[in-house]
Amino acid sequence: MPFVARCCWCSQPFIKWLERGLHCWVCPTPACQARQAKWALHVNVLGKPTCVYVPLPKQVDALEAVVSGKYRWILYGGARGGAKSHFLRWLAYYLCLLHPNFQVVLLRRTYPELEKSHLRRVGNEVKRLGGDFVPSARPPVVRFRNGSVLEFGHCQDTQDIENFQSAEYNLVLADELGTFEEDMILRIGASARIKTPQFRPCVVGSTNPGAVWVRDRWINKEVDPTRYKNYDPAQYHFIQSLLDDNPYPDDEYEQMLNELDPDTY
């Protein structure tokens, strides 16, 4: 049977939507579609508000969790093809445009991973948003006209943690969270400490939660109490993202995944 992605709220198949060159997928159910539209990102083009991003329902769940202020640590995780990396970038854009002087860092474990997954896409994306991408900066940054900054970083080795010890952010994003060591995330996550009346600082990660320490913190919510005496399970929130939640991959992508050996799948 052909792959059919469905809305996680009502189980209806997604439909295509096109407006002023933006191709996206929305749920046909009016209430769900309205909820997606509430979180859509608009920018001014020639004096007219133009939609440049409409989050999928599962991404809306994650957006709502981030802005709610209820959680310090949020994990958007699950299957490959769940649009996790794409979501982290657009979460950063959304909040940078919404809040003046907002400070974000987006991390991958290594710099080559950062280049392949994010840096090669950022330039074209931020042009539509009125931002300036400076790839030659160290670290590479996106600067928005309202003073907000999106910084890109990596933490390949333990000593790289020191690069973030004096930094302060509203939001720390860790793509493929499970590739990091636990201590790296906990220590860099402490840099999410710029608190404003509009936004509580937090850490948002994306990964397939196969790493033991990730599962312990976000899913099982059981960590070593002698080592992590201040662990509060109520501050950890997991949003599961599946291939079925994302209508953008084609049928061949699902077939490719089906051809993997069982352990890798």
C-alpha atoms as a PDB file:
ATOM      1  CA  MET A   1       0.000   0.000   0.000  1.00  0.00           C
ATOM      2  CA  PRO A   2       1.232   3.543  -0.729  1.00  0.00           C
ATOM      3  CA  PHE A   3       2.498   5.613   2.180  1.00  0.00           C
ATOM      4  CA  VAL A   4      -0.168   7.935   3.609  1.00  0.00           C
ATOM      5  CA  ALA A   5       0.743  10.446   6.296  1.00  0.00           C
ATOM      6  CA  ARG A   6      -2.068  11.421   8.639  1.00  0.00           C
ATOM      7  CA  CYS A   7      -2.874  14.116  11.154  1.00  0.00           C
ATOM      8  CA  CYS A   8      -1.932  12.961  14.645  1.00  0.00           C
ATOM      9  CA  TRP A   9      -4.983  14.743  16.070  1.00  0.00           C
ATOM     10  CA  CYS A  10      -7.803  13.376  13.913  1.00  0.00           C
ATOM     11  CA  SER A  11      -6.141  10.700  11.718  1.00  0.00           C
ATOM     12  CA  GLN A  12      -7.255  12.335   8.464  1.00  0.00           C
ATOM     13  CA  PRO A  13      -4.794  12.185   5.515  1.00  0.00           C
ATOM     14  CA  PHE A  14      -3.021  15.466   4.844  1.00  0.00           C
ATOM     15  CA  ILE A  15      -3.896  17.588   1.827  1.00  0.00           C
ATOM     16  CA  LYS A  16      -1.637  19.892  -0.189  1.00  0.00           C
ATOM     17  CA  TRP A  17      -1.967  23.630   0.227  1.00  0.00           C
ATOM     18  CA  LEU A  18      -0.428  26.238  -2.066  1.00  0.00           C
ATOM     19  CA  GLU A  19      -0.413  29.989  -1.545  1.00  0.00           C
ATOM     20  CA  ARG A  20       1.951  32.478  -3.187  1.00  0.00           C
ATOM     21  CA  GLY A  21       4.500  29.805  -3.973  1.00  0.00           C
ATOM     22  CA  LEU A  22       4.476  28.102  -0.576  1.00  0.00           C
ATOM     23  CA  HIS A  23       3.767  24.398  -0.873  1.00  0.00           C
ATOM     24  CA  CYS A  24       2.823  22.776   2.411  1.00  0.00           C
ATOM     25  CA  TRP A  25       0.585  20.107   3.885  1.00  0.00           C
ATOM     26  CA  VAL A  26      -2.375  20.728   6.157  1.00  0.00           C
ATOM     27  CA  CYS A  27      -5.082  18.669   7.797  1.00  0.00           C
ATOM     28  CA  PRO A  28      -8.465  18.904   6.018  1.00  0.00           C
ATOM     29  CA  THR A  29     -10.347  19.004   9.328  1.00  0.00           C
ATOM     30  CA  PRO A  30     -11.185  22.698   9.966  1.00  0.00           C
ATOM     31  CA  ALA A  31     -10.320  22.665  13.673  1.00  0.00           C
ATOM     32  CA  CYS A  32      -6.944  21.021  13.056  1.00  0.00           C
ATOM     33  CA  GLN A  33      -6.181  23.291  10.127  1.00  0.00           C
ATOM     34  CA  ALA A  34      -6.972  26.345  12.242  1.00  0.00           C
ATOM     35  CA  ARG A  35      -4.633  25.095  14.956  1.00  0.00           C
ATOM     36  CA  GLN A  36      -1.851  24.712  12.385  1.00  0.00           C
ATOM     37  CA  ALA A  37      -2.572  28.176  10.985  1.00  0.00           C
ATOM     38  CA  LYS A  38      -2.303  29.727  14.455  1.00  0.00           C
ATOM     39  CA  TRP A  39       1.392  28.789  14.532  1.00  0.00           C
ATOM     40  CA  ALA A  40       2.184  29.637  10.904  1.00  0.00           C
ATOM     41  CA  LEU A  41       5.074  32.021  10.329  1.00  0.00           C
ATOM     42  CA  HIS A  42       4.394  35.141   8.246  1.00  0.00           C
ATOM     43  CA  VAL A  43       6.770  37.804   6.962  1.00  0.00           C
ATOM     44  CA  ASN A  44       6.186  41.024   5.039  1.00  0.00           C
ATOM     45  CA  VAL A  45       6.925  40.822   1.313  1.00  0.00           C
ATOM     46  CA  LEU A  46       6.423  44.094  -0.554  1.00  0.00           C
ATOM     47  CA  GLY A  47       4.246  45.296   2.292  1.00  0.00           C
ATOM     48  CA  LYS A  48       2.031  42.209   2.309  1.00  0.00           C
ATOM     49  CA  PRO A  49       2.010  39.488   4.993  1.00  0.00           C
ATOM     50  CA  THR A  50       3.185  36.256   3.354  1.00  0.00           C
ATOM     51  CA  CYS A  51       3.137  32.807   4.908  1.00  0.00           C
ATOM     52  CA  VAL A  52       6.542  31.078   4.766  1.00  0.00           C
ATOM     53  CA  TYR A  53       6.043  28.151   7.138  1.00  0.00           C
ATOM     54  CA  VAL A  54       3.121  26.075   8.383  1.00  0.00           C
ATOM     55  CA  PRO A  55       4.045  23.519  11.076  1.00  0.00           C
ATOM     56  CA  LEU A  56       2.683  19.995  10.928  1.00  0.00           C
ATOM     57  CA  PRO A  57       0.331  18.962  13.763  1.00  0.00           C
ATOM     58  CA  LYS A  58       3.052  17.056  15.645  1.00  0.00           C
ATOM     59  CA  GLN A  59       5.327  20.085  15.308  1.00  0.00           C
ATOM     60  CA  VAL A  60       2.519  22.227  16.727  1.00  0.00           C
ATOM     61  CA  ASP A  61       2.466  19.917  19.761  1.00  0.00           C
ATOM     62  CA  ALA A  62       6.164  20.612  20.230  1.00  0.00           C
ATOM     63  CA  LEU A  63       5.778  24.373  19.692  1.00  0.00           C
ATOM     64  CA  GLU A  64       3.020  24.522  22.276  1.00  0.00           C
ATOM     65  CA  ALA A  65       5.182  22.617  24.764  1.00  0.00           C
ATOM     66  CA  VAL A  66       8.104  25.009  24.237  1.00  0.00           C
ATOM     67  CA  VAL A  67       6.143  28.239  24.680  1.00  0.00           C
ATOM     68  CA  SER A  68       4.056  26.894  27.572  1.00  0.00           C
ATOM     69  CA  GLY A  69       6.949  27.381  30.000  1.00  0.00           C
ATOM     70  CA  LYS A  70       6.059  24.114  31.767  1.00  0.00           C
ATOM     71  CA  TYR A  71       9.195  22.219  30.835  1.00  0.00           C
ATOM     72  CA  ARG A  72      12.912  22.825  31.091  1.00  0.00           C
ATOM     73  CA  TRP A  73      13.896  19.857  28.889  1.00  0.00           C
ATOM     74  CA  ILE A  74      11.888  18.892  25.777  1.00  0.00           C
ATOM     75  CA  LEU A  75      12.617  16.017  23.412  1.00  0.00           C
ATOM     76  CA  TYR A  76      11.126  15.831  19.913  1.00  0.00           C
ATOM     77  CA  GLY A  77      12.052  12.330  18.906  1.00  0.00           C
ATOM     78  CA  GLY A  78      11.289   9.237  16.937  1.00  0.00           C
ATOM     79  CA  ALA A  79      11.663   7.763  13.499  1.00  0.00           C
ATOM     80  CA  ARG A  80      13.947   8.939  10.761  1.00  0.00           C
ATOM     81  CA  GLY A  81      11.920  11.070   8.374  1.00  0.00           C
ATOM     82  CA  GLY A  82       9.921  12.723  11.144  1.00  0.00           C
ATOM     83  CA  ALA A  83      11.202  16.204  10.117  1.00  0.00           C
ATOM     84  CA  LYS A  84      13.081  16.674  13.390  1.00  0.00           C
ATOM     85  CA  SER A  85      16.062  18.708  12.135  1.00  0.00           C
ATOM     86  CA  HIS A  86      13.822  20.886   9.964  1.00  0.00           C
ATOM     87  CA  PHE A  87      11.594  21.563  12.962  1.00  0.00           C
ATOM     88  CA  LEU A  88      14.492  22.729  15.156  1.00  0.00           C
ATOM     89  CA  ARG A  89      15.617  25.325  12.610  1.00  0.00           C
ATOM     90  CA  TRP A  90      12.123  26.706  12.107  1.00  0.00           C
ATOM     91  CA  LEU A  91      11.494  26.723  15.842  1.00  0.00           C
ATOM     92  CA  ALA A  92      14.571  28.942  16.139  1.00  0.00           C
ATOM     93  CA  TYR A  93      13.414  31.230  13.306  1.00  0.00           C
ATOM     94  CA  TYR A  94       9.915  31.465  14.746  1.00  0.00           C
ATOM     95  CA  LEU A  95      11.060  32.476  18.235  1.00  0.00           C
ATOM     96  CA  CYS A  96      13.790  34.800  16.972  1.00  0.00           C
ATOM     97  CA  LEU A  97      11.245  36.735  14.921  1.00  0.00           C
ATOM     98  CA  LEU A  98       8.655  36.711  17.693  1.00  0.00           C
ATOM     99  CA  HIS A  99      10.941  37.961  20.483  1.00  0.00           C
ATOM    100  CA  PRO A 100      13.405  40.846  19.939  1.00  0.00           C
ATOM    101  CA  ASN A 101      16.978  40.150  21.115  1.00  0.00           C
ATOM    102  CA  PHE A 102      16.264  36.431  21.434  1.00  0.00           C
ATOM    103  CA  GLN A 103      19.412  34.296  21.693  1.00  0.00           C
ATOM    104  CA  VAL A 104      19.535  30.708  20.359  1.00  0.00           C
ATOM    105  CA  VAL A 105      22.261  28.142  19.795  1.00  0.00           C
ATOM    106  CA  LEU A 106      21.677  25.089  17.580  1.00  0.00           C
ATOM    107  CA  LEU A 107      24.124  22.210  18.098  1.00  0.00           C
ATOM    108  CA  ARG A 108      25.296  19.082  16.338  1.00  0.00           C
ATOM    109  CA  ARG A 109      27.946  16.767  17.727  1.00  0.00           C
ATOM    110  CA  THR A 110      30.494  17.508  14.952  1.00  0.00           C
ATOM    111  CA  TYR A 111      31.014  20.393  12.571  1.00  0.00           C
ATOM    112  CA  PRO A 112      30.727  18.226   9.412  1.00  0.00           C
ATOM    113  CA  GLU A 113      27.316  17.024  10.683  1.00  0.00           C
ATOM    114  CA  LEU A 114      26.327  20.643  11.249  1.00  0.00           C
ATOM    115  CA  GLU A 115      27.296  21.540   7.684  1.00  0.00           C
ATOM    116  CA  LYS A 116      25.393  18.644   6.110  1.00  0.00           C
ATOM    117  CA  SER A 117      22.203  18.964   8.150  1.00  0.00           C
ATOM    118  CA  HIS A 118      21.770  22.710   8.709  1.00  0.00           C
ATOM    119  CA  LEU A 119      24.334  25.159   7.335  1.00  0.00           C
ATOM    120  CA  ARG A 120      23.771  24.247   3.685  1.00  0.00           C
ATOM    121  CA  ARG A 121      20.059  25.083   4.028  1.00  0.00           C
ATOM    122  CA  VAL A 122      20.101  28.162   6.247  1.00  0.00           C
ATOM    123  CA  GLY A 123      21.123  30.756   3.661  1.00  0.00           C
ATOM    124  CA  ASN A 124      18.100  30.308   1.393  1.00  0.00           C
ATOM    125  CA  GLU A 125      15.701  29.970   4.316  1.00  0.00           C
ATOM    126  CA  VAL A 126      16.656  33.164   6.124  1.00  0.00           C
ATOM    127  CA  LYS A 127      16.558  35.237   2.943  1.00  0.00           C
ATOM    128  CA  ARG A 128      12.779  34.884   3.025  1.00  0.00           C
ATOM    129  CA  LEU A 129      12.759  35.911   6.674  1.00  0.00           C
ATOM    130  CA  GLY A 130      14.792  39.092   6.331  1.00  0.00           C
ATOM    131  CA  GLY A 131      17.723  37.644   8.254  1.00  0.00           C
ATOM    132  CA  ASP A 132      21.431  37.724   7.450  1.00  0.00           C
ATOM    133  CA  PHE A 133      23.409  34.488   7.477  1.00  0.00           C
ATOM    134  CA  VAL A 134      27.132  34.941   8.189  1.00  0.00           C
ATOM    135  CA  PRO A 135      28.758  31.574   7.427  1.00  0.00           C
ATOM    136  CA  SER A 136      32.273  33.000   7.797  1.00  0.00           C
ATOM    137  CA  ALA A 137      31.696  33.948  11.433  1.00  0.00           C
ATOM    138  CA  ARG A 138      33.030  31.624  14.108  1.00  0.00           C
ATOM    139  CA  PRO A 139      30.623  30.288  15.081  1.00  0.00           C
ATOM    140  CA  PRO A 140      28.327  30.801  12.033  1.00  0.00           C
ATOM    141  CA  VAL A 141      25.345  32.975  12.914  1.00  0.00           C
ATOM    142  CA  VAL A 142      22.050  34.304  11.623  1.00  0.00           C
ATOM    143  CA  ARG A 143      21.265  37.862  12.664  1.00  0.00           C
ATOM    144  CA  PHE A 144      17.739  39.262  12.505  1.00  0.00           C
ATOM    145  CA  ARG A 145      16.777  42.910  12.278  1.00  0.00           C
ATOM    146  CA  ASN A 146      15.106  42.860  15.712  1.00  0.00           C
ATOM    147  CA  GLY A 147      18.398  41.979  17.395  1.00  0.00           C
ATOM    148  CA  SER A 148      17.773  38.240  17.680  1.00  0.00           C
ATOM    149  CA  VAL A 149      20.655  35.869  16.952  1.00  0.00           C
ATOM    150  CA  LEU A 150      20.758  32.202  15.971  1.00  0.00           C
ATOM    151  CA  GLU A 151      24.201  30.693  16.546  1.00  0.00           C
ATOM    152  CA  PHE A 152      25.393  27.323  15.233  1.00  0.00           C
ATOM    153  CA  GLY A 153      27.790  25.210  17.283  1.00  0.00           C
ATOM    154  CA  HIS A 154      29.170  21.750  17.875  1.00  0.00           C
ATOM    155  CA  CYS A 155      30.589  19.777  20.789  1.00  0.00           C
ATOM    156  CA  GLN A 156      32.689  16.927  19.496  1.00  0.00           C
ATOM    157  CA  ASP A 157      34.960  16.474  22.526  1.00  0.00           C
ATOM    158  CA  THR A 158      34.608  17.106  26.242  1.00  0.00           C
ATOM    159  CA  GLN A 159      36.862  20.168  26.105  1.00  0.00           C
ATOM    160  CA  ASP A 160      34.441  21.778  23.637  1.00  0.00           C
ATOM    161  CA  ILE A 161      31.991  22.242  26.499  1.00  0.00           C
ATOM    162  CA  GLU A 162      34.170  25.115  27.681  1.00  0.00           C
ATOM    163  CA  ASN A 163      33.192  27.096  24.585  1.00  0.00           C
ATOM    164  CA  PHE A 164      29.704  27.492  26.064  1.00  0.00           C
ATOM    165  CA  GLN A 165      30.430  27.993  29.768  1.00  0.00           C
ATOM    166  CA  SER A 166      30.213  31.796  29.712  1.00  0.00           C
ATOM    167  CA  ALA A 167      27.490  31.942  27.067  1.00  0.00           C
ATOM    168  CA  GLU A 168      23.865  32.811  27.787  1.00  0.00           C
ATOM    169  CA  TYR A 169      20.893  31.820  25.668  1.00  0.00           C
ATOM    170  CA  ASN A 170      17.124  31.869  25.797  1.00  0.00           C
ATOM    171  CA  LEU A 171      17.040  28.541  23.991  1.00  0.00           C
ATOM    172  CA  VAL A 172      19.493  25.675  23.456  1.00  0.00           C
ATOM    173  CA  LEU A 173      18.711  23.283  20.586  1.00  0.00           C
ATOM    174  CA  ALA A 174      20.504  19.933  20.247  1.00  0.00           C
ATOM    175  CA  ASP A 175      19.944  18.070  17.000  1.00  0.00           C
ATOM    176  CA  GLU A 176      20.513  14.289  17.181  1.00  0.00           C
ATOM    177  CA  LEU A 177      20.670  14.585  20.945  1.00  0.00           C
ATOM    178  CA  GLY A 178      21.538  10.914  21.387  1.00  0.00           C
ATOM    179  CA  THR A 179      24.907  11.388  19.682  1.00  0.00           C
ATOM    180  CA  PHE A 180      26.056  13.652  22.535  1.00  0.00           C
ATOM    181  CA  GLU A 181      27.378  12.497  25.888  1.00  0.00           C
ATOM    182  CA  GLU A 182      24.957  13.100  28.734  1.00  0.00           C
ATOM    183  CA  ASP A 183      27.305  15.477  30.561  1.00  0.00           C
ATOM    184  CA  MET A 184      27.729  17.596  27.431  1.00  0.00           C
ATOM    185  CA  ILE A 185      24.012  18.288  27.189  1.00  0.00           C
ATOM    186  CA  LEU A 186      23.538  18.904  30.899  1.00  0.00           C
ATOM    187  CA  ARG A 187      26.414  21.368  31.095  1.00  0.00           C
ATOM    188  CA  ILE A 188      25.680  23.222  27.857  1.00  0.00           C
ATOM    189  CA  GLY A 189      21.996  23.184  28.753  1.00  0.00           C
ATOM    190  CA  ALA A 190      22.847  25.238  31.827  1.00  0.00           C
ATOM    191  CA  SER A 191      23.609  28.091  29.404  1.00  0.00           C
ATOM    192  CA  ALA A 192      19.872  28.386  28.707  1.00  0.00           C
ATOM    193  CA  ARG A 193      19.483  31.017  31.401  1.00  0.00           C
ATOM    194  CA  ILE A 194      18.160  34.232  29.845  1.00  0.00           C
ATOM    195  CA  LYS A 195      14.733  34.537  31.404  1.00  0.00           C
ATOM    196  CA  THR A 196      12.148  37.058  30.209  1.00  0.00           C
ATOM    197  CA  PRO A 197       8.498  37.614  31.135  1.00  0.00           C
ATOM    198  CA  GLN A 198       7.543  36.204  27.716  1.00  0.00           C
ATOM    199  CA  PHE A 199       9.768  33.114  27.601  1.00  0.00           C
ATOM    200  CA  ARG A 200      11.175  30.621  30.065  1.00  0.00           C
ATOM    201  CA  PRO A 201      14.624  29.365  28.965  1.00  0.00           C
ATOM    202  CA  CYS A 202      14.720  25.711  27.972  1.00  0.00           C
ATOM    203  CA  VAL A 203      16.564  23.008  26.075  1.00  0.00           C
ATOM    204  CA  VAL A 204      14.950  21.272  23.083  1.00  0.00           C
ATOM    205  CA  GLY A 205      16.513  18.193  21.539  1.00  0.00           C
ATOM    206  CA  SER A 206      15.666  15.950  18.626  1.00  0.00           C
ATOM    207  CA  THR A 207      16.744  12.355  18.156  1.00  0.00           C
ATOM    208  CA  ASN A 208      15.678   8.775  17.769  1.00  0.00           C
ATOM    209  CA  PRO A 209      15.682   7.997  21.520  1.00  0.00           C
ATOM    210  CA  GLY A 210      17.848   4.888  21.347  1.00  0.00           C
ATOM    211  CA  ALA A 211      20.620   6.134  23.657  1.00  0.00           C
ATOM    212  CA  VAL A 212      20.159   4.727  27.148  1.00  0.00           C
ATOM    213  CA  TRP A 213      20.654   8.043  28.917  1.00  0.00           C
ATOM    214  CA  VAL A 214      18.070   9.719  26.660  1.00  0.00           C
ATOM    215  CA  ARG A 215      15.485   7.027  27.317  1.00  0.00           C
ATOM    216  CA  ASP A 216      16.165   7.178  31.053  1.00  0.00           C
ATOM    217  CA  ARG A 217      15.612  10.940  31.247  1.00  0.00           C
ATOM    218  CA  TRP A 218      12.710  11.498  28.852  1.00  0.00           C
ATOM    219  CA  ILE A 219      10.838   8.227  28.538  1.00  0.00           C
ATOM    220  CA  ASN A 220      11.479   6.000  31.572  1.00  0.00           C
ATOM    221  CA  LYS A 221      12.115   9.050  33.785  1.00  0.00           C
ATOM    222  CA  GLU A 222      14.430   7.087  36.014  1.00  0.00           C
ATOM    223  CA  VAL A 223      17.987   8.288  36.596  1.00  0.00           C
ATOM    224  CA  ASP A 224      20.594   7.423  39.229  1.00  0.00           C
ATOM    225  CA  PRO A 225      19.331   9.347  42.304  1.00  0.00           C
ATOM    226  CA  THR A 226      22.754   9.294  43.940  1.00  0.00           C
ATOM    227  CA  ARG A 227      24.343  11.056  40.953  1.00  0.00           C
ATOM    228  CA  TYR A 228      21.442  13.287  39.884  1.00  0.00           C
ATOM    229  CA  LYS A 229      19.845  14.326  43.160  1.00  0.00           C
ATOM    230  CA  ASN A 230      17.992  17.287  41.643  1.00  0.00           C
ATOM    231  CA  TYR A 231      16.440  15.449  38.695  1.00  0.00           C
ATOM    232  CA  ASP A 232      12.791  16.474  38.345  1.00  0.00           C
ATOM    233  CA  PRO A 233      10.842  14.206  35.957  1.00  0.00           C
ATOM    234  CA  ALA A 234       8.092  16.817  35.647  1.00  0.00           C
ATOM    235  CA  GLN A 235      10.549  19.075  33.786  1.00  0.00           C
ATOM    236  CA  TYR A 236      11.136  16.487  31.046  1.00  0.00           C
ATOM    237  CA  HIS A 237       8.640  16.226  28.189  1.00  0.00           C
ATOM    238  CA  PHE A 238       8.732  13.849  25.214  1.00  0.00           C
ATOM    239  CA  ILE A 239       6.876  14.357  21.919  1.00  0.00           C
ATOM    240  CA  GLN A 240       7.081  11.301  19.699  1.00  0.00           C
ATOM    241  CA  SER A 241       7.583  12.033  16.003  1.00  0.00           C
ATOM    242  CA  LEU A 242       6.915   9.273  13.459  1.00  0.00           C
ATOM    243  CA  LEU A 243       7.271   8.937   9.714  1.00  0.00           C
ATOM    244  CA  ASP A 244       3.451   8.864   9.558  1.00  0.00           C
ATOM    245  CA  ASP A 245       3.402  12.409  10.968  1.00  0.00           C
ATOM    246  CA  ASN A 246       5.354  13.807   8.022  1.00  0.00           C
ATOM    247  CA  PRO A 247       3.751  13.916   4.536  1.00  0.00           C
ATOM    248  CA  TYR A 248       6.819  15.389   2.829  1.00  0.00           C
ATOM    249  CA  PRO A 249       8.819  12.165   2.165  1.00  0.00           C
ATOM    250  CA  ASP A 250       7.607  10.169  -0.832  1.00  0.00           C
ATOM    251  CA  ASP A 251       6.621   6.507  -1.075  1.00  0.00           C
ATOM    252  CA  GLU A 252      10.133   5.521  -2.131  1.00  0.00           C
ATOM    253  CA  TYR A 253      11.558   6.835   1.121  1.00  0.00           C
ATOM    254  CA  GLU A 254       9.365   4.514   3.178  1.00  0.00           C
ATOM    255  CA  GLN A 255      10.283   1.626   0.874  1.00  0.00           C
ATOM    256  CA  MET A 256      13.964   2.399   1.394  1.00  0.00           C
ATOM    257  CA  LEU A 257      13.476   2.207   5.168  1.00  0.00           C
ATOM    258  CA  ASN A 258      11.580  -1.075   4.815  1.00  0.00           C
ATOM    259  CA  GLU A 259      14.575  -2.601   3.066  1.00  0.00           C
ATOM    260  CA  LEU A 260      16.857  -2.066   6.064  1.00  0.00           C
ATOM    261  CA  ASP A 261      17.768  -4.939   8.345  1.00  0.00           C
ATOM    262  CA  PRO A 262      15.433  -5.269  11.376  1.00  0.00           C
ATOM    263  CA  ASP A 263      17.878  -3.855  13.964  1.00  0.00           C
ATOM    264  CA  THR A 264      18.653  -0.742  11.904  1.00  0.00           C
ATOM    265  CA  TYR A 265      14.961  -0.233  11.039  1.00  0.00           C
END
